[in-house]
Amino acid sequence: MIFVLSIFSVIGCSNNVDKNNEDIDSEFPPSLNGLIIINGTEYQIERGGYRWERKKGLGTEVVQTDHASPYQMAEHIESISSNPNQKVEIMIEGNPNIEVYLWNEKGREIEIEQNDNQITLPSSKGKYIYEALAEWTNGTISYTFVVEIK
């Protein structure tokens, strides 16, 4: 598993920025998948709202969705069971800048500190709703995942 992830990282890092942007711009809006890795196991994360733009002729083409919030999405997302204090690696195609937020019924509760797209799960039992907000040069996509600490 570590070998496969290493290969994925090397291949992802070896692409130059122009090729990366070319791949992203070939589909509008692009469908960029995301996943998280907890204790060596991969889990798909749910794509939510997004905003994407591109130059077209002399104008700009923009696509924006009005999507359910991560809190609302969590009602339909299966929770990932985990132990306290586990590391979670967030991997999203296209190498975007990622901010991670914890959600509650009122909205974004706090921004979660991360290091190299990794966060540490809380030590307390409970259900936690996370939003990974990914930002590229041409757009932003929200991804949601739910973790239940046993």
N, C-alpha and C. Protein backbone atom coordinates (compact mmCIF):
# COMPACT_ATOMS: atom_id res chain seq x y z
N MET A 1 0.83 -1.19 0.00
CA MET A 1 0.00 0.00 0.00
C MET A 1 0.87 1.26 0.00
N ILE A 2 1.91 1.25 0.83
CA ILE A 2 2.81 2.41 0.90
C ILE A 2 3.50 2.60 -0.44
N PHE A 3 3.90 1.49 -1.08
CA PHE A 3 4.53 1.56 -2.39
C PHE A 3 3.61 2.21 -3.41
N VAL A 4 2.35 1.80 -3.42
CA VAL A 4 1.37 2.35 -4.37
C VAL A 4 1.18 3.84 -4.12
N LEU A 5 1.07 4.24 -2.86
CA LEU A 5 0.91 5.66 -2.55
C LEU A 5 2.15 6.45 -2.94
N SER A 6 3.33 5.86 -2.76
CA SER A 6 4.56 6.53 -3.15
C SER A 6 4.59 6.77 -4.65
N ILE A 7 4.19 5.75 -5.41
CA ILE A 7 4.15 5.88 -6.88
C ILE A 7 3.17 6.98 -7.26
N PHE A 8 1.99 6.98 -6.63
CA PHE A 8 0.96 7.98 -6.90
C PHE A 8 1.50 9.38 -6.62
N SER A 9 2.21 9.54 -5.51
CA SER A 9 2.78 10.84 -5.14
C SER A 9 3.83 11.28 -6.14
N VAL A 10 4.70 10.38 -6.54
CA VAL A 10 5.77 10.72 -7.48
C VAL A 10 5.18 11.11 -8.82
N ILE A 11 4.22 10.34 -9.30
CA ILE A 11 3.59 10.65 -10.58
C ILE A 11 2.86 11.98 -10.49
N GLY A 12 2.13 12.19 -9.40
CA GLY A 12 1.39 13.44 -9.22
C GLY A 12 2.32 14.63 -9.14
N CYS A 13 3.45 14.49 -8.48
CA CYS A 13 4.39 15.60 -8.33
C CYS A 13 5.21 15.83 -9.58
N SER A 14 5.36 14.80 -10.44
CA SER A 14 6.22 14.95 -11.61
C SER A 14 5.52 15.68 -12.75
N ASN A 15 4.21 15.76 -12.75
CA ASN A 15 3.50 16.48 -13.80
C ASN A 15 3.78 17.96 -13.65
N ASN A 16 4.03 18.63 -14.78
CA ASN A 16 4.24 20.07 -14.65
C ASN A 16 2.90 20.78 -14.53
N VAL A 17 2.93 22.02 -14.11
CA VAL A 17 1.71 22.77 -13.83
C VAL A 17 0.87 22.95 -15.09
N ASP A 18 1.52 23.21 -16.23
CA ASP A 18 0.76 23.42 -17.46
C ASP A 18 -0.04 22.18 -17.85
N LYS A 19 0.57 20.99 -17.73
CA LYS A 19 -0.14 19.75 -18.06
C LYS A 19 -1.30 19.55 -17.10
N ASN A 20 -1.08 19.80 -15.80
CA ASN A 20 -2.13 19.67 -14.81
C ASN A 20 -3.31 20.57 -15.16
N ASN A 21 -3.04 21.81 -15.47
CA ASN A 21 -4.11 22.75 -15.81
C ASN A 21 -4.78 22.36 -17.12
N GLU A 22 -4.00 21.82 -18.08
CA GLU A 22 -4.57 21.38 -19.34
C GLU A 22 -5.57 20.25 -19.11
N ASP A 23 -5.22 19.29 -18.26
CA ASP A 23 -6.13 18.18 -17.96
C ASP A 23 -7.39 18.68 -17.27
N ILE A 24 -7.24 19.60 -16.34
CA ILE A 24 -8.38 20.15 -15.61
C ILE A 24 -9.29 20.94 -16.55
N ASP A 25 -8.68 21.72 -17.46
CA ASP A 25 -9.47 22.57 -18.35
C ASP A 25 -10.13 21.82 -19.50
N SER A 26 -9.72 20.57 -19.78
CA SER A 26 -10.28 19.85 -20.91
C SER A 26 -11.75 19.48 -20.68
N GLU A 27 -12.17 19.35 -19.45
CA GLU A 27 -13.56 19.06 -19.11
C GLU A 27 -14.09 20.24 -18.31
N PHE A 28 -15.27 20.73 -18.63
CA PHE A 28 -15.81 21.90 -17.93
C PHE A 28 -17.22 21.65 -17.46
N PRO A 29 -17.48 21.74 -16.18
CA PRO A 29 -16.48 21.80 -15.11
C PRO A 29 -15.83 20.43 -14.94
N PRO A 30 -14.60 20.41 -14.46
CA PRO A 30 -13.92 19.12 -14.30
C PRO A 30 -14.54 18.30 -13.17
N SER A 31 -14.46 16.99 -13.30
CA SER A 31 -14.92 16.12 -12.21
C SER A 31 -13.68 15.59 -11.51
N LEU A 32 -13.27 16.30 -10.49
CA LEU A 32 -12.05 15.98 -9.75
C LEU A 32 -12.44 15.21 -8.49
N ASN A 33 -11.98 13.96 -8.41
CA ASN A 33 -12.34 13.10 -7.29
C ASN A 33 -11.45 13.34 -6.09
N GLY A 34 -12.00 13.03 -4.94
CA GLY A 34 -11.24 13.15 -3.70
C GLY A 34 -11.39 11.90 -2.87
N LEU A 35 -10.38 11.64 -2.07
CA LEU A 35 -10.45 10.52 -1.14
C LEU A 35 -9.65 10.87 0.10
N ILE A 36 -9.92 10.10 1.15
CA ILE A 36 -9.14 10.22 2.37
C ILE A 36 -8.57 8.85 2.68
N ILE A 37 -7.47 8.85 3.40
CA ILE A 37 -6.84 7.60 3.82
C ILE A 37 -6.73 7.63 5.33
N ILE A 38 -7.34 6.64 5.98
CA ILE A 38 -7.27 6.50 7.44
C ILE A 38 -6.72 5.11 7.73
N ASN A 39 -5.62 5.08 8.42
CA ASN A 39 -5.01 3.81 8.83
C ASN A 39 -4.83 2.84 7.64
N GLY A 40 -4.40 3.39 6.50
CA GLY A 40 -4.13 2.57 5.32
C GLY A 40 -5.32 2.23 4.45
N THR A 41 -6.52 2.64 4.84
CA THR A 41 -7.72 2.34 4.07
C THR A 41 -8.21 3.61 3.36
N GLU A 42 -8.53 3.48 2.07
CA GLU A 42 -9.02 4.61 1.27
C GLU A 42 -10.54 4.69 1.33
N TYR A 43 -11.05 5.92 1.42
CA TYR A 43 -12.49 6.18 1.41
C TYR A 43 -12.76 7.34 0.45
N GLN A 44 -13.72 7.15 -0.44
CA GLN A 44 -14.15 8.25 -1.31
C GLN A 44 -14.82 9.31 -0.46
N ILE A 45 -14.65 10.58 -0.84
CA ILE A 45 -15.35 11.66 -0.15
C ILE A 45 -16.34 12.28 -1.12
N GLU A 46 -17.43 12.79 -0.57
CA GLU A 46 -18.55 13.28 -1.38
C GLU A 46 -18.30 14.70 -1.88
N ARG A 47 -18.48 14.86 -3.16
CA ARG A 47 -18.35 16.18 -3.78
C ARG A 47 -19.64 16.96 -3.53
N GLY A 48 -19.49 18.21 -3.12
CA GLY A 48 -20.65 19.06 -2.87
C GLY A 48 -20.69 20.21 -3.86
N GLY A 49 -20.92 21.39 -3.35
CA GLY A 49 -21.01 22.57 -4.19
C GLY A 49 -19.68 22.94 -4.81
N TYR A 50 -19.75 23.63 -5.95
CA TYR A 50 -18.53 24.08 -6.60
C TYR A 50 -18.78 25.33 -7.42
N ARG A 51 -17.67 26.00 -7.73
CA ARG A 51 -17.68 27.15 -8.63
C ARG A 51 -16.47 27.00 -9.52
N TRP A 52 -16.68 27.09 -10.84
CA TRP A 52 -15.57 26.93 -11.77
C TRP A 52 -15.71 27.94 -12.89
N GLU A 53 -14.58 28.48 -13.35
CA GLU A 53 -14.63 29.44 -14.46
C GLU A 53 -13.49 29.18 -15.43
N ARG A 54 -13.71 29.64 -16.68
CA ARG A 54 -12.66 29.56 -17.69
C ARG A 54 -12.89 30.67 -18.71
N LYS A 55 -11.81 31.06 -19.32
CA LYS A 55 -11.88 32.06 -20.39
C LYS A 55 -12.41 31.39 -21.64
N LYS A 56 -13.32 32.06 -22.31
CA LYS A 56 -13.89 31.54 -23.55
C LYS A 56 -14.03 32.73 -24.50
N GLY A 57 -13.14 32.76 -25.49
CA GLY A 57 -13.13 33.91 -26.38
C GLY A 57 -12.74 35.15 -25.59
N LEU A 58 -13.54 36.20 -25.70
CA LEU A 58 -13.28 37.42 -24.96
C LEU A 58 -13.98 37.44 -23.60
N GLY A 59 -14.81 36.45 -23.36
CA GLY A 59 -15.57 36.41 -22.10
C GLY A 59 -15.07 35.33 -21.16
N THR A 60 -15.82 35.19 -20.08
CA THR A 60 -15.52 34.17 -19.07
C THR A 60 -16.77 33.33 -18.86
N GLU A 61 -16.61 32.02 -18.90
CA GLU A 61 -17.70 31.09 -18.66
C GLU A 61 -17.61 30.64 -17.20
N VAL A 62 -18.74 30.71 -16.48
CA VAL A 62 -18.77 30.36 -15.06
C VAL A 62 -19.88 29.36 -14.79
N VAL A 63 -19.55 28.32 -14.00
CA VAL A 63 -20.55 27.36 -13.55
C VAL A 63 -20.48 27.34 -12.03
N GLN A 64 -21.65 27.50 -11.40
CA GLN A 64 -21.71 27.47 -9.93
C GLN A 64 -22.94 26.69 -9.52
N THR A 65 -22.77 25.82 -8.50
CA THR A 65 -23.90 25.03 -8.03
C THR A 65 -24.40 25.56 -6.69
N ASP A 66 -25.65 25.30 -6.45
CA ASP A 66 -26.25 25.56 -5.15
C ASP A 66 -26.51 24.18 -4.57
N HIS A 67 -25.69 23.76 -3.64
CA HIS A 67 -25.71 22.39 -3.14
C HIS A 67 -26.01 22.39 -1.65
N ALA A 68 -26.44 21.26 -1.15
CA ALA A 68 -26.66 21.11 0.30
C ALA A 68 -25.35 21.37 1.05
N SER A 69 -25.47 21.86 2.26
CA SER A 69 -24.29 22.12 3.08
C SER A 69 -23.69 20.78 3.53
N PRO A 70 -22.42 20.79 3.96
CA PRO A 70 -21.85 19.55 4.49
C PRO A 70 -22.67 18.97 5.64
N TYR A 71 -23.25 19.80 6.47
CA TYR A 71 -24.08 19.29 7.58
C TYR A 71 -25.31 18.55 7.03
N GLN A 72 -25.94 19.12 6.01
CA GLN A 72 -27.10 18.47 5.39
C GLN A 72 -26.69 17.20 4.65
N MET A 73 -25.54 17.25 3.97
CA MET A 73 -25.04 16.08 3.24
C MET A 73 -24.74 14.93 4.19
N ALA A 74 -24.29 15.25 5.40
CA ALA A 74 -23.90 14.22 6.37
C ALA A 74 -25.04 13.27 6.72
N GLU A 75 -26.29 13.74 6.57
CA GLU A 75 -27.44 12.88 6.85
C GLU A 75 -27.47 11.67 5.91
N HIS A 76 -26.87 11.81 4.73
CA HIS A 76 -26.93 10.76 3.72
C HIS A 76 -25.57 10.11 3.44
N ILE A 77 -24.57 10.46 4.23
CA ILE A 77 -23.23 9.91 4.05
C ILE A 77 -22.96 8.90 5.16
N GLU A 78 -22.47 7.73 4.77
CA GLU A 78 -22.13 6.72 5.76
C GLU A 78 -20.88 7.16 6.54
N SER A 79 -20.97 7.10 7.86
CA SER A 79 -19.84 7.48 8.71
C SER A 79 -18.71 6.47 8.58
N ILE A 80 -17.50 6.97 8.68
CA ILE A 80 -16.31 6.13 8.69
C ILE A 80 -15.92 5.94 10.14
N SER A 81 -15.88 4.69 10.60
CA SER A 81 -15.50 4.42 11.99
C SER A 81 -13.99 4.50 12.13
N SER A 82 -13.56 5.15 13.21
CA SER A 82 -12.13 5.29 13.44
C SER A 82 -11.83 5.35 14.92
N ASN A 83 -10.58 5.12 15.25
CA ASN A 83 -10.10 5.30 16.61
C ASN A 83 -9.72 6.75 16.84
N PRO A 84 -9.66 7.18 18.09
CA PRO A 84 -9.25 8.55 18.39
C PRO A 84 -7.83 8.83 17.90
N ASN A 85 -7.57 10.09 17.61
CA ASN A 85 -6.23 10.61 17.29
C ASN A 85 -5.59 10.00 16.04
N GLN A 86 -6.39 9.41 15.15
CA GLN A 86 -5.87 8.86 13.90
C GLN A 86 -5.52 10.00 12.94
N LYS A 87 -4.51 9.77 12.12
CA LYS A 87 -4.17 10.71 11.05
C LYS A 87 -5.06 10.44 9.85
N VAL A 88 -5.50 11.50 9.18
CA VAL A 88 -6.32 11.41 7.98
C VAL A 88 -5.59 12.16 6.87
N GLU A 89 -5.26 11.46 5.80
CA GLU A 89 -4.63 12.11 4.65
C GLU A 89 -5.71 12.42 3.63
N ILE A 90 -5.72 13.65 3.14
CA ILE A 90 -6.72 14.09 2.16
C ILE A 90 -6.04 14.19 0.81
N MET A 91 -6.57 13.48 -0.19
CA MET A 91 -6.00 13.48 -1.53
C MET A 91 -7.08 13.86 -2.54
N ILE A 92 -6.83 14.95 -3.26
CA ILE A 92 -7.78 15.43 -4.26
C ILE A 92 -7.02 15.65 -5.57
N GLU A 93 -7.60 15.19 -6.67
CA GLU A 93 -6.96 15.32 -7.98
C GLU A 93 -6.62 16.77 -8.29
N GLY A 94 -5.52 16.96 -9.00
CA GLY A 94 -5.15 18.30 -9.46
C GLY A 94 -4.36 19.10 -8.45
N ASN A 95 -4.01 18.51 -7.31
CA ASN A 95 -3.17 19.14 -6.30
C ASN A 95 -3.63 20.56 -5.91
N PRO A 96 -4.86 20.70 -5.42
CA PRO A 96 -5.36 22.03 -5.04
C PRO A 96 -4.84 22.44 -3.65
N ASN A 97 -5.05 23.70 -3.32
CA ASN A 97 -4.86 24.15 -1.94
C ASN A 97 -6.11 23.69 -1.19
N ILE A 98 -5.92 23.13 0.00
CA ILE A 98 -7.04 22.57 0.75
C ILE A 98 -7.13 23.21 2.13
N GLU A 99 -8.34 23.63 2.49
CA GLU A 99 -8.66 24.07 3.85
C GLU A 99 -9.68 23.07 4.38
N VAL A 100 -9.57 22.73 5.66
CA VAL A 100 -10.47 21.74 6.26
C VAL A 100 -11.25 22.41 7.39
N TYR A 101 -12.56 22.18 7.40
CA TYR A 101 -13.44 22.77 8.41
C TYR A 101 -14.25 21.68 9.10
N LEU A 102 -14.51 21.87 10.38
CA LEU A 102 -15.42 21.03 11.14
C LEU A 102 -16.77 21.72 11.10
N TRP A 103 -17.83 20.95 10.86
CA TRP A 103 -19.18 21.50 10.74
C TRP A 103 -20.07 21.04 11.89
N ASN A 104 -21.06 21.90 12.22
CA ASN A 104 -22.15 21.52 13.11
C ASN A 104 -23.44 22.07 12.51
N GLU A 105 -24.54 21.98 13.25
CA GLU A 105 -25.84 22.40 12.70
C GLU A 105 -25.91 23.89 12.36
N LYS A 106 -25.03 24.70 12.92
CA LYS A 106 -25.03 26.15 12.66
C LYS A 106 -24.14 26.54 11.48
N GLY A 107 -23.32 25.60 11.01
CA GLY A 107 -22.41 25.91 9.89
C GLY A 107 -20.99 25.52 10.23
N ARG A 108 -20.06 26.23 9.60
CA ARG A 108 -18.65 25.96 9.87
C ARG A 108 -18.34 26.32 11.32
N GLU A 109 -17.83 25.34 12.04
CA GLU A 109 -17.51 25.54 13.45
C GLU A 109 -16.10 26.11 13.60
N ILE A 110 -15.10 25.39 13.08
CA ILE A 110 -13.72 25.85 13.16
C ILE A 110 -12.93 25.33 11.96
N GLU A 111 -11.84 26.03 11.64
CA GLU A 111 -10.91 25.51 10.64
C GLU A 111 -9.97 24.55 11.36
N ILE A 112 -9.73 23.40 10.76
CA ILE A 112 -8.89 22.36 11.34
C ILE A 112 -7.44 22.56 10.88
N GLU A 113 -6.53 22.53 11.83
CA GLU A 113 -5.11 22.65 11.50
C GLU A 113 -4.68 21.42 10.73
N GLN A 114 -3.89 21.63 9.70
CA GLN A 114 -3.41 20.52 8.88
C GLN A 114 -1.94 20.71 8.55
N ASN A 115 -1.32 19.61 8.19
CA ASN A 115 0.07 19.63 7.79
C ASN A 115 0.21 18.69 6.60
N ASP A 116 0.61 19.22 5.45
CA ASP A 116 0.73 18.43 4.22
C ASP A 116 -0.55 17.66 3.90
N ASN A 117 -1.69 18.34 3.98
CA ASN A 117 -3.00 17.75 3.69
C ASN A 117 -3.33 16.58 4.61
N GLN A 118 -2.84 16.63 5.84
CA GLN A 118 -3.19 15.64 6.86
C GLN A 118 -3.75 16.35 8.07
N ILE A 119 -4.80 15.74 8.62
CA ILE A 119 -5.37 16.23 9.88
C ILE A 119 -5.33 15.09 10.89
N THR A 120 -5.49 15.43 12.15
CA THR A 120 -5.57 14.43 13.21
C THR A 120 -6.97 14.45 13.76
N LEU A 121 -7.59 13.27 13.85
CA LEU A 121 -8.95 13.18 14.39
C LEU A 121 -8.94 13.47 15.88
N PRO A 122 -10.09 13.91 16.41
CA PRO A 122 -10.19 14.22 17.84
C PRO A 122 -10.01 12.99 18.73
N SER A 123 -9.78 13.25 20.00
CA SER A 123 -9.63 12.15 20.97
C SER A 123 -10.97 11.77 21.60
N SER A 124 -11.97 12.62 21.47
CA SER A 124 -13.27 12.36 22.09
C SER A 124 -14.19 11.57 21.16
N LYS A 125 -14.99 10.67 21.75
CA LYS A 125 -15.97 9.91 20.99
C LYS A 125 -17.00 10.87 20.39
N GLY A 126 -17.55 10.46 19.25
CA GLY A 126 -18.60 11.26 18.64
C GLY A 126 -18.53 11.21 17.13
N LYS A 127 -19.50 11.88 16.51
CA LYS A 127 -19.61 11.96 15.06
C LYS A 127 -19.13 13.33 14.62
N TYR A 128 -18.20 13.37 13.66
CA TYR A 128 -17.59 14.61 13.21
C TYR A 128 -17.79 14.78 11.71
N ILE A 129 -18.27 15.97 11.32
CA ILE A 129 -18.53 16.28 9.92
C ILE A 129 -17.44 17.23 9.44
N TYR A 130 -16.73 16.81 8.39
CA TYR A 130 -15.63 17.60 7.86
C TYR A 130 -15.91 18.06 6.44
N GLU A 131 -15.48 19.27 6.14
CA GLU A 131 -15.50 19.80 4.78
C GLU A 131 -14.05 20.05 4.38
N ALA A 132 -13.66 19.49 3.24
CA ALA A 132 -12.37 19.80 2.63
C ALA A 132 -12.67 20.74 1.47
N LEU A 133 -12.29 22.00 1.62
CA LEU A 133 -12.56 23.00 0.59
C LEU A 133 -11.31 23.11 -0.28
N ALA A 134 -11.41 22.63 -1.51
CA ALA A 134 -10.27 22.58 -2.44
C ALA A 134 -10.34 23.75 -3.40
N GLU A 135 -9.19 24.41 -3.58
CA GLU A 135 -9.15 25.58 -4.45
C GLU A 135 -8.03 25.46 -5.47
N TRP A 136 -8.41 25.57 -6.75
CA TRP A 136 -7.48 25.61 -7.86
C TRP A 136 -7.49 27.03 -8.41
N THR A 137 -6.69 27.29 -9.42
CA THR A 137 -6.64 28.62 -10.04
C THR A 137 -8.00 29.01 -10.60
N ASN A 138 -8.71 28.04 -11.19
CA ASN A 138 -9.97 28.34 -11.88
C ASN A 138 -11.23 27.99 -11.10
N GLY A 139 -11.09 27.48 -9.88
CA GLY A 139 -12.32 27.13 -9.20
C GLY A 139 -12.13 26.55 -7.82
N THR A 140 -13.28 26.28 -7.21
CA THR A 140 -13.34 25.75 -5.85
C THR A 140 -14.38 24.64 -5.80
N ILE A 141 -14.04 23.56 -5.09
CA ILE A 141 -14.99 22.46 -4.90
C ILE A 141 -14.99 22.08 -3.42
N SER A 142 -16.18 21.85 -2.87
CA SER A 142 -16.33 21.42 -1.49
C SER A 142 -16.53 19.90 -1.46
N TYR A 143 -15.81 19.23 -0.58
CA TYR A 143 -15.93 17.78 -0.38
C TYR A 143 -16.29 17.55 1.08
N THR A 144 -17.12 16.54 1.34
CA THR A 144 -17.57 16.24 2.70
C THR A 144 -17.27 14.79 3.06
N PHE A 145 -16.85 14.59 4.32
CA PHE A 145 -16.73 13.25 4.87
C PHE A 145 -17.11 13.28 6.34
N VAL A 146 -17.60 12.14 6.83
CA VAL A 146 -18.07 12.04 8.21
C VAL A 146 -17.30 10.92 8.89
N VAL A 147 -16.79 11.21 10.08
CA VAL A 147 -16.03 10.22 10.84
C VAL A 147 -16.67 10.06 12.21
N GLU A 148 -16.83 8.79 12.61
CA GLU A 148 -17.34 8.51 13.96
C GLU A 148 -16.21 7.90 14.78
N ILE A 149 -15.86 8.59 15.86
CA ILE A 149 -14.82 8.11 16.76
C ILE A 149 -15.47 7.19 17.77
N LYS A 150 -14.95 5.96 17.85
CA LYS A 150 -15.51 4.93 18.76
C LYS A 150 -14.83 4.98 20.10
